[in-house]
Amino acid sequence: LTPMISTDAYFDFAAAFAISLALLFQMPLLTF
């Protein structure tokens, strides 16, 4: 198994990671 990650797959993965955590970090304001 040799990883060959496409640019599109990597960007989508990284963007989902970043957006999920960015929204999760809004929880203190929502709770407030």
PDB file of all heavy atoms in Angstrom:
ATOM      1  N   LEU A   1       0.850  -1.189   0.000  1.00  0.00           N
ATOM      2  CA  LEU A   1       0.000   0.000   0.000  1.00  0.00           C
ATOM      3  C   LEU A   1       0.887   1.241   0.000  1.00  0.00           C
ATOM      4  O   LEU A   1       1.554   1.539   0.981  1.00  0.00           O
ATOM      5  CB  LEU A   1      -0.894   0.029   1.235  1.00  0.00           C
ATOM      6  CG  LEU A   1      -1.950  -1.058   1.350  1.00  0.00           C
ATOM      7  CD1 LEU A   1      -2.609  -1.016   2.715  1.00  0.00           C
ATOM      8  CD2 LEU A   1      -2.994  -0.874   0.269  1.00  0.00           C
ATOM      9  N   THR A   2       0.884   1.953  -1.100  1.00  0.00           N
ATOM     10  CA  THR A   2       1.672   3.178  -1.220  1.00  0.00           C
ATOM     11  C   THR A   2       0.723   4.369  -1.251  1.00  0.00           C
ATOM     12  O   THR A   2      -0.145   4.443  -2.125  1.00  0.00           O
ATOM     13  CB  THR A   2       2.507   3.155  -2.518  1.00  0.00           C
ATOM     14  OG1 THR A   2       3.310   1.987  -2.523  1.00  0.00           O
ATOM     15  CG2 THR A   2       3.372   4.397  -2.622  1.00  0.00           C
ATOM     16  N   PRO A   3       0.873   5.286  -0.304  1.00  0.00           N
ATOM     17  CA  PRO A   3      -0.023   6.445  -0.318  1.00  0.00           C
ATOM     18  C   PRO A   3       0.318   7.399  -1.460  1.00  0.00           C
ATOM     19  O   PRO A   3       1.463   7.793  -1.633  1.00  0.00           O
ATOM     20  CB  PRO A   3       0.224   7.106   1.037  1.00  0.00           C
ATOM     21  CG  PRO A   3       1.566   6.644   1.457  1.00  0.00           C
ATOM     22  CD  PRO A   3       1.789   5.313   0.827  1.00  0.00           C
ATOM     23  N   MET A   4      -0.676   7.699  -2.248  1.00  0.00           N
ATOM     24  CA  MET A   4      -0.571   8.705  -3.302  1.00  0.00           C
ATOM     25  C   MET A   4      -1.794   9.604  -3.150  1.00  0.00           C
ATOM     26  O   MET A   4      -2.859   9.328  -3.686  1.00  0.00           O
ATOM     27  CB  MET A   4      -0.521   8.058  -4.687  1.00  0.00           C
ATOM     28  CG  MET A   4       0.748   7.278  -4.937  1.00  0.00           C
ATOM     29  SD  MET A   4       0.844   6.610  -6.589  1.00  0.00           S
ATOM     30  CE  MET A   4       0.909   8.067  -7.553  1.00  0.00           C
ATOM     31  N   ILE A   5      -1.629  10.651  -2.409  1.00  0.00           N
ATOM     32  CA  ILE A   5      -2.745  11.526  -2.074  1.00  0.00           C
ATOM     33  C   ILE A   5      -2.875  12.595  -3.150  1.00  0.00           C
ATOM     34  O   ILE A   5      -1.903  13.275  -3.476  1.00  0.00           O
ATOM     35  CB  ILE A   5      -2.523  12.165  -0.704  1.00  0.00           C
ATOM     36  CG1 ILE A   5      -2.366  11.065   0.347  1.00  0.00           C
ATOM     37  CG2 ILE A   5      -3.673  13.092  -0.352  1.00  0.00           C
ATOM     38  CD1 ILE A   5      -1.889  11.564   1.667  1.00  0.00           C
ATOM     39  N   SER A   6      -4.074  12.736  -3.663  1.00  0.00           N
ATOM     40  CA  SER A   6      -4.298  13.775  -4.670  1.00  0.00           C
ATOM     41  C   SER A   6      -4.419  15.126  -3.979  1.00  0.00           C
ATOM     42  O   SER A   6      -4.794  15.216  -2.806  1.00  0.00           O
ATOM     43  CB  SER A   6      -5.546  13.477  -5.489  1.00  0.00           C
ATOM     44  OG  SER A   6      -6.706  13.719  -4.741  1.00  0.00           O
ATOM     45  N   THR A   7      -4.110  16.164  -4.710  1.00  0.00           N
ATOM     46  CA  THR A   7      -4.181  17.507  -4.157  1.00  0.00           C
ATOM     47  C   THR A   7      -5.604  17.849  -3.726  1.00  0.00           C
ATOM     48  O   THR A   7      -5.815  18.457  -2.679  1.00  0.00           O
ATOM     49  CB  THR A   7      -3.694  18.546  -5.184  1.00  0.00           C
ATOM     50  OG1 THR A   7      -4.459  18.404  -6.382  1.00  0.00           O
ATOM     51  CG2 THR A   7      -2.235  18.359  -5.490  1.00  0.00           C
ATOM     52  N   ASP A   8      -6.585  17.418  -4.509  1.00  0.00           N
ATOM     53  CA  ASP A   8      -7.978  17.697  -4.196  1.00  0.00           C
ATOM     54  C   ASP A   8      -8.408  16.991  -2.908  1.00  0.00           C
ATOM     55  O   ASP A   8      -9.054  17.591  -2.049  1.00  0.00           O
ATOM     56  CB  ASP A   8      -8.858  17.259  -5.367  1.00  0.00           C
ATOM     57  CG  ASP A   8     -10.245  17.861  -5.311  1.00  0.00           C
ATOM     58  OD1 ASP A   8     -10.339  19.065  -4.987  1.00  0.00           O
ATOM     59  OD2 ASP A   8     -11.210  17.146  -5.591  1.00  0.00           O
ATOM     60  N   ALA A   9      -8.033  15.726  -2.762  1.00  0.00           N
ATOM     61  CA  ALA A   9      -8.398  14.967  -1.565  1.00  0.00           C
ATOM     62  C   ALA A   9      -7.738  15.565  -0.319  1.00  0.00           C
ATOM     63  O   ALA A   9      -8.372  15.677   0.735  1.00  0.00           O
ATOM     64  CB  ALA A   9      -8.002  13.508  -1.728  1.00  0.00           C
ATOM     65  N   TYR A  10      -6.479  15.958  -0.443  1.00  0.00           N
ATOM     66  CA  TYR A  10      -5.781  16.547   0.706  1.00  0.00           C
ATOM     67  C   TYR A  10      -6.398  17.882   1.102  1.00  0.00           C
ATOM     68  O   TYR A  10      -6.617  18.144   2.283  1.00  0.00           O
ATOM     69  CB  TYR A  10      -4.291  16.725   0.395  1.00  0.00           C
ATOM     70  CG  TYR A  10      -3.524  17.289   1.563  1.00  0.00           C
ATOM     71  CD1 TYR A  10      -3.177  16.483   2.641  1.00  0.00           C
ATOM     72  CD2 TYR A  10      -3.183  18.629   1.608  1.00  0.00           C
ATOM     73  CE1 TYR A  10      -2.495  17.000   3.725  1.00  0.00           C
ATOM     74  CE2 TYR A  10      -2.499  19.152   2.695  1.00  0.00           C
ATOM     75  CZ  TYR A  10      -2.147  18.334   3.744  1.00  0.00           C
ATOM     76  OH  TYR A  10      -1.479  18.851   4.820  1.00  0.00           O
ATOM     77  N   PHE A  11      -6.688  18.728   0.126  1.00  0.00           N
ATOM     78  CA  PHE A  11      -7.278  20.026   0.439  1.00  0.00           C
ATOM     79  C   PHE A  11      -8.648  19.860   1.085  1.00  0.00           C
ATOM     80  O   PHE A  11      -8.961  20.546   2.068  1.00  0.00           O
ATOM     81  CB  PHE A  11      -7.391  20.891  -0.814  1.00  0.00           C
ATOM     82  CG  PHE A  11      -7.971  22.233  -0.530  1.00  0.00           C
ATOM     83  CD1 PHE A  11      -7.182  23.246  -0.011  1.00  0.00           C
ATOM     84  CD2 PHE A  11      -9.318  22.491  -0.769  1.00  0.00           C
ATOM     85  CE1 PHE A  11      -7.723  24.486   0.273  1.00  0.00           C
ATOM     86  CE2 PHE A  11      -9.857  23.728  -0.493  1.00  0.00           C
ATOM     87  CZ  PHE A  11      -9.063  24.729   0.034  1.00  0.00           C
ATOM     88  N   ASP A  12      -9.482  18.966   0.547  1.00  0.00           N
ATOM     89  CA  ASP A  12     -10.807  18.746   1.129  1.00  0.00           C
ATOM     90  C   ASP A  12     -10.706  18.228   2.559  1.00  0.00           C
ATOM     91  O   ASP A  12     -11.460  18.641   3.437  1.00  0.00           O
ATOM     92  CB  ASP A  12     -11.619  17.776   0.264  1.00  0.00           C
ATOM     93  CG  ASP A  12     -12.042  18.381  -1.058  1.00  0.00           C
ATOM     94  OD1 ASP A  12     -11.969  19.628  -1.211  1.00  0.00           O
ATOM     95  OD2 ASP A  12     -12.432  17.611  -1.958  1.00  0.00           O
ATOM     96  N   PHE A  13      -9.765  17.311   2.799  1.00  0.00           N
ATOM     97  CA  PHE A  13      -9.552  16.765   4.140  1.00  0.00           C
ATOM     98  C   PHE A  13      -9.093  17.862   5.095  1.00  0.00           C
ATOM     99  O   PHE A  13      -9.619  18.002   6.199  1.00  0.00           O
ATOM    100  CB  PHE A  13      -8.524  15.631   4.070  1.00  0.00           C
ATOM    101  CG  PHE A  13      -8.263  14.958   5.381  1.00  0.00           C
ATOM    102  CD1 PHE A  13      -9.198  14.117   5.939  1.00  0.00           C
ATOM    103  CD2 PHE A  13      -7.067  15.177   6.057  1.00  0.00           C
ATOM    104  CE1 PHE A  13      -8.952  13.490   7.157  1.00  0.00           C
ATOM    105  CE2 PHE A  13      -6.816  14.564   7.263  1.00  0.00           C
ATOM    106  CZ  PHE A  13      -7.759  13.714   7.815  1.00  0.00           C
ATOM    107  N   ALA A  14      -8.121  18.665   4.672  1.00  0.00           N
ATOM    108  CA  ALA A  14      -7.595  19.738   5.522  1.00  0.00           C
ATOM    109  C   ALA A  14      -8.663  20.800   5.783  1.00  0.00           C
ATOM    110  O   ALA A  14      -8.781  21.305   6.912  1.00  0.00           O
ATOM    111  CB  ALA A  14      -6.364  20.363   4.876  1.00  0.00           C
ATOM    112  N   ALA A  15      -9.447  21.132   4.781  1.00  0.00           N
ATOM    113  CA  ALA A  15     -10.497  22.137   4.952  1.00  0.00           C
ATOM    114  C   ALA A  15     -11.575  21.638   5.917  1.00  0.00           C
ATOM    115  O   ALA A  15     -12.042  22.401   6.774  1.00  0.00           O
ATOM    116  CB  ALA A  15     -11.110  22.498   3.604  1.00  0.00           C
ATOM    117  N   ALA A  16     -11.970  20.381   5.796  1.00  0.00           N
ATOM    118  CA  ALA A  16     -12.965  19.819   6.717  1.00  0.00           C
ATOM    119  C   ALA A  16     -12.431  19.822   8.145  1.00  0.00           C
ATOM    120  O   ALA A  16     -13.165  20.129   9.095  1.00  0.00           O
ATOM    121  CB  ALA A  16     -13.340  18.402   6.289  1.00  0.00           C
ATOM    122  N   PHE A  17     -11.174  19.497   8.302  1.00  0.00           N
ATOM    123  CA  PHE A  17     -10.526  19.519   9.616  1.00  0.00           C
ATOM    124  C   PHE A  17     -10.571  20.927  10.201  1.00  0.00           C
ATOM    125  O   PHE A  17     -10.973  21.124  11.355  1.00  0.00           O
ATOM    126  CB  PHE A  17      -9.065  19.080   9.449  1.00  0.00           C
ATOM    127  CG  PHE A  17      -8.606  18.067  10.439  1.00  0.00           C
ATOM    128  CD1 PHE A  17      -8.744  16.719  10.186  1.00  0.00           C
ATOM    129  CD2 PHE A  17      -8.014  18.470  11.611  1.00  0.00           C
ATOM    130  CE1 PHE A  17      -8.306  15.790  11.102  1.00  0.00           C
ATOM    131  CE2 PHE A  17      -7.573  17.546  12.530  1.00  0.00           C
ATOM    132  CZ  PHE A  17      -7.718  16.200  12.277  1.00  0.00           C
ATOM    133  N   ALA A  18     -10.140  21.900   9.415  1.00  0.00           N
ATOM    134  CA  ALA A  18     -10.046  23.279   9.905  1.00  0.00           C
ATOM    135  C   ALA A  18     -11.422  23.854  10.219  1.00  0.00           C
ATOM    136  O   ALA A  18     -11.609  24.486  11.267  1.00  0.00           O
ATOM    137  CB  ALA A  18      -9.328  24.146   8.883  1.00  0.00           C
ATOM    138  N   ILE A  19     -12.384  23.644   9.338  1.00  0.00           N
ATOM    139  CA  ILE A  19     -13.718  24.208   9.557  1.00  0.00           C
ATOM    140  C   ILE A  19     -14.402  23.551  10.749  1.00  0.00           C
ATOM    141  O   ILE A  19     -15.049  24.223  11.553  1.00  0.00           O
ATOM    142  CB  ILE A  19     -14.564  24.089   8.278  1.00  0.00           C
ATOM    143  CG1 ILE A  19     -14.009  25.044   7.221  1.00  0.00           C
ATOM    144  CG2 ILE A  19     -16.029  24.392   8.551  1.00  0.00           C
ATOM    145  CD1 ILE A  19     -14.603  24.873   5.853  1.00  0.00           C
ATOM    146  N   SER A  20     -14.251  22.245  10.893  1.00  0.00           N
ATOM    147  CA  SER A  20     -14.852  21.550  12.037  1.00  0.00           C
ATOM    148  C   SER A  20     -14.321  22.108  13.352  1.00  0.00           C
ATOM    149  O   SER A  20     -15.091  22.383  14.276  1.00  0.00           O
ATOM    150  CB  SER A  20     -14.561  20.052  11.969  1.00  0.00           C
ATOM    151  OG  SER A  20     -15.138  19.490  10.826  1.00  0.00           O
ATOM    152  N   LEU A  21     -13.016  22.273  13.435  1.00  0.00           N
ATOM    153  CA  LEU A  21     -12.444  22.787  14.674  1.00  0.00           C
ATOM    154  C   LEU A  21     -12.742  24.270  14.869  1.00  0.00           C
ATOM    155  O   LEU A  21     -12.943  24.715  16.008  1.00  0.00           O
ATOM    156  CB  LEU A  21     -10.946  22.522  14.708  1.00  0.00           C
ATOM    157  CG  LEU A  21     -10.659  21.070  15.085  1.00  0.00           C
ATOM    158  CD1 LEU A  21      -9.257  20.683  14.722  1.00  0.00           C
ATOM    159  CD2 LEU A  21     -10.905  20.857  16.549  1.00  0.00           C
ATOM    160  N   ALA A  22     -12.795  25.037  13.804  1.00  0.00           N
ATOM    161  CA  ALA A  22     -13.130  26.454  13.930  1.00  0.00           C
ATOM    162  C   ALA A  22     -14.544  26.619  14.483  1.00  0.00           C
ATOM    163  O   ALA A  22     -14.784  27.454  15.359  1.00  0.00           O
ATOM    164  CB  ALA A  22     -12.995  27.150  12.583  1.00  0.00           C
ATOM    165  N   LEU A  23     -15.469  25.813  13.998  1.00  0.00           N
ATOM    166  CA  LEU A  23     -16.839  25.874  14.513  1.00  0.00           C
ATOM    167  C   LEU A  23     -16.921  25.326  15.930  1.00  0.00           C
ATOM    168  O   LEU A  23     -17.675  25.846  16.759  1.00  0.00           O
ATOM    169  CB  LEU A  23     -17.785  25.119  13.584  1.00  0.00           C
ATOM    170  CG  LEU A  23     -17.975  25.742  12.203  1.00  0.00           C
ATOM    171  CD1 LEU A  23     -18.860  24.847  11.331  1.00  0.00           C
ATOM    172  CD2 LEU A  23     -18.542  27.131  12.296  1.00  0.00           C
ATOM    173  N   LEU A  24     -16.151  24.312  16.220  1.00  0.00           N
ATOM    174  CA  LEU A  24     -16.138  23.746  17.565  1.00  0.00           C
ATOM    175  C   LEU A  24     -15.604  24.762  18.576  1.00  0.00           C
ATOM    176  O   LEU A  24     -16.082  24.822  19.713  1.00  0.00           O
ATOM    177  CB  LEU A  24     -15.295  22.470  17.590  1.00  0.00           C
ATOM    178  CG  LEU A  24     -15.357  21.638  18.853  1.00  0.00           C
ATOM    179  CD1 LEU A  24     -16.771  21.112  19.050  1.00  0.00           C
ATOM    180  CD2 LEU A  24     -14.398  20.483  18.762  1.00  0.00           C
ATOM    181  N   PHE A  25     -14.665  25.578  18.167  1.00  0.00           N
ATOM    182  CA  PHE A  25     -14.111  26.590  19.061  1.00  0.00           C
ATOM    183  C   PHE A  25     -15.089  27.740  19.303  1.00  0.00           C
ATOM    184  O   PHE A  25     -14.825  28.603  20.143  1.00  0.00           O
ATOM    185  CB  PHE A  25     -12.786  27.117  18.505  1.00  0.00           C
ATOM    186  CG  PHE A  25     -11.588  26.325  18.946  1.00  0.00           C
ATOM    187  CD1 PHE A  25     -11.522  24.956  18.799  1.00  0.00           C
ATOM    188  CD2 PHE A  25     -10.506  26.965  19.514  1.00  0.00           C
ATOM    189  CE1 PHE A  25     -10.422  24.234  19.188  1.00  0.00           C
ATOM    190  CE2 PHE A  25      -9.388  26.251  19.915  1.00  0.00           C
ATOM    191  CZ  PHE A  25      -9.346  24.876  19.754  1.00  0.00           C
ATOM    192  N   GLN A  26     -16.208  27.771  18.609  1.00  0.00           N
ATOM    193  CA  GLN A  26     -17.254  28.760  18.856  1.00  0.00           C
ATOM    194  C   GLN A  26     -18.178  28.338  19.996  1.00  0.00           C
ATOM    195  O   GLN A  26     -19.041  29.108  20.416  1.00  0.00           O
ATOM    196  CB  GLN A  26     -18.087  28.984  17.591  1.00  0.00           C
ATOM    197  CG  GLN A  26     -17.340  29.577  16.434  1.00  0.00           C
ATOM    198  CD  GLN A  26     -16.934  31.009  16.672  1.00  0.00           C
ATOM    199  OE1 GLN A  26     -17.727  31.815  17.135  1.00  0.00           O
ATOM    200  NE2 GLN A  26     -15.693  31.322  16.361  1.00  0.00           N
ATOM    201  N   MET A  27     -18.003  27.128  20.495  1.00  0.00           N
ATOM    202  CA  MET A  27     -18.883  26.610  21.550  1.00  0.00           C
ATOM    203  C   MET A  27     -18.921  27.479  22.813  1.00  0.00           C
ATOM    204  O   MET A  27     -19.990  27.618  23.411  1.00  0.00           O
ATOM    205  CB  MET A  27     -18.497  25.170  21.913  1.00  0.00           C
ATOM    206  CG  MET A  27     -18.851  24.148  20.845  1.00  0.00           C
ATOM    207  SD  MET A  27     -20.616  24.036  20.557  1.00  0.00           S
ATOM    208  CE  MET A  27     -21.139  23.291  22.078  1.00  0.00           C
ATOM    209  N   PRO A  28     -17.808  28.070  23.261  1.00  0.00           N
ATOM    210  CA  PRO A  28     -17.931  28.931  24.449  1.00  0.00           C
ATOM    211  C   PRO A  28     -18.900  30.099  24.245  1.00  0.00           C
ATOM    212  O   PRO A  28     -19.672  30.426  25.156  1.00  0.00           O
ATOM    213  CB  PRO A  28     -16.504  29.439  24.674  1.00  0.00           C
ATOM    214  CG  PRO A  28     -15.630  28.410  24.044  1.00  0.00           C
ATOM    215  CD  PRO A  28     -16.407  27.881  22.882  1.00  0.00           C
ATOM    216  N   LEU A  29     -18.880  30.701  23.068  1.00  0.00           N
ATOM    217  CA  LEU A  29     -19.824  31.798  22.809  1.00  0.00           C
ATOM    218  C   LEU A  29     -21.258  31.286  22.756  1.00  0.00           C
ATOM    219  O   LEU A  29     -22.169  31.927  23.278  1.00  0.00           O
ATOM    220  CB  LEU A  29     -19.488  32.499  21.500  1.00  0.00           C
ATOM    221  CG  LEU A  29     -18.306  33.448  21.532  1.00  0.00           C
ATOM    222  CD1 LEU A  29     -18.063  34.037  20.154  1.00  0.00           C
ATOM    223  CD2 LEU A  29     -18.508  34.541  22.543  1.00  0.00           C
ATOM    224  N   LEU A  30     -21.453  30.143  22.112  1.00  0.00           N
ATOM    225  CA  LEU A  30     -22.796  29.569  22.052  1.00  0.00           C
ATOM    226  C   LEU A  30     -23.307  29.250  23.450  1.00  0.00           C
ATOM    227  O   LEU A  30     -24.455  29.562  23.795  1.00  0.00           O
ATOM    228  CB  LEU A  30     -22.791  28.305  21.176  1.00  0.00           C
ATOM    229  CG  LEU A  30     -24.117  27.578  21.051  1.00  0.00           C
ATOM    230  CD1 LEU A  30     -25.133  28.455  20.327  1.00  0.00           C
ATOM    231  CD2 LEU A  30     -23.928  26.271  20.321  1.00  0.00           C
ATOM    232  N   THR A  31     -22.469  28.654  24.270  1.00  0.00           N
ATOM    233  CA  THR A  31     -22.858  28.332  25.640  1.00  0.00           C
ATOM    234  C   THR A  31     -23.154  29.600  26.429  1.00  0.00           C
ATOM    235  O   THR A  31     -24.114  29.651  27.205  1.00  0.00           O
ATOM    236  CB  THR A  31     -21.742  27.525  26.326  1.00  0.00           C
ATOM    237  OG1 THR A  31     -21.446  26.382  25.538  1.00  0.00           O
ATOM    238  CG2 THR A  31     -22.160  27.075  27.709  1.00  0.00           C
ATOM    239  N   PHE A  32     -22.350  30.632  26.240  1.00  0.00           N
ATOM    240  CA  PHE A  32     -22.587  31.904  26.917  1.00  0.00           C
ATOM    241  C   PHE A  32     -23.966  32.463  26.570  1.00  0.00           C
ATOM    242  O   PHE A  32     -24.724  32.875  27.457  1.00  0.00           O
ATOM    243  CB  PHE A  32     -21.496  32.910  26.539  1.00  0.00           C
ATOM    244  CG  PHE A  32     -21.770  34.296  27.027  1.00  0.00           C
ATOM    245  CD1 PHE A  32     -21.555  34.633  28.357  1.00  0.00           C
ATOM    246  CD2 PHE A  32     -22.276  35.260  26.169  1.00  0.00           C
ATOM    247  CE1 PHE A  32     -21.819  35.915  28.817  1.00  0.00           C
ATOM    248  CE2 PHE A  32     -22.540  36.535  26.611  1.00  0.00           C
ATOM    249  CZ  PHE A  32     -22.317  36.874  27.941  1.00  0.00           C
TER     250      PHE A  32
END
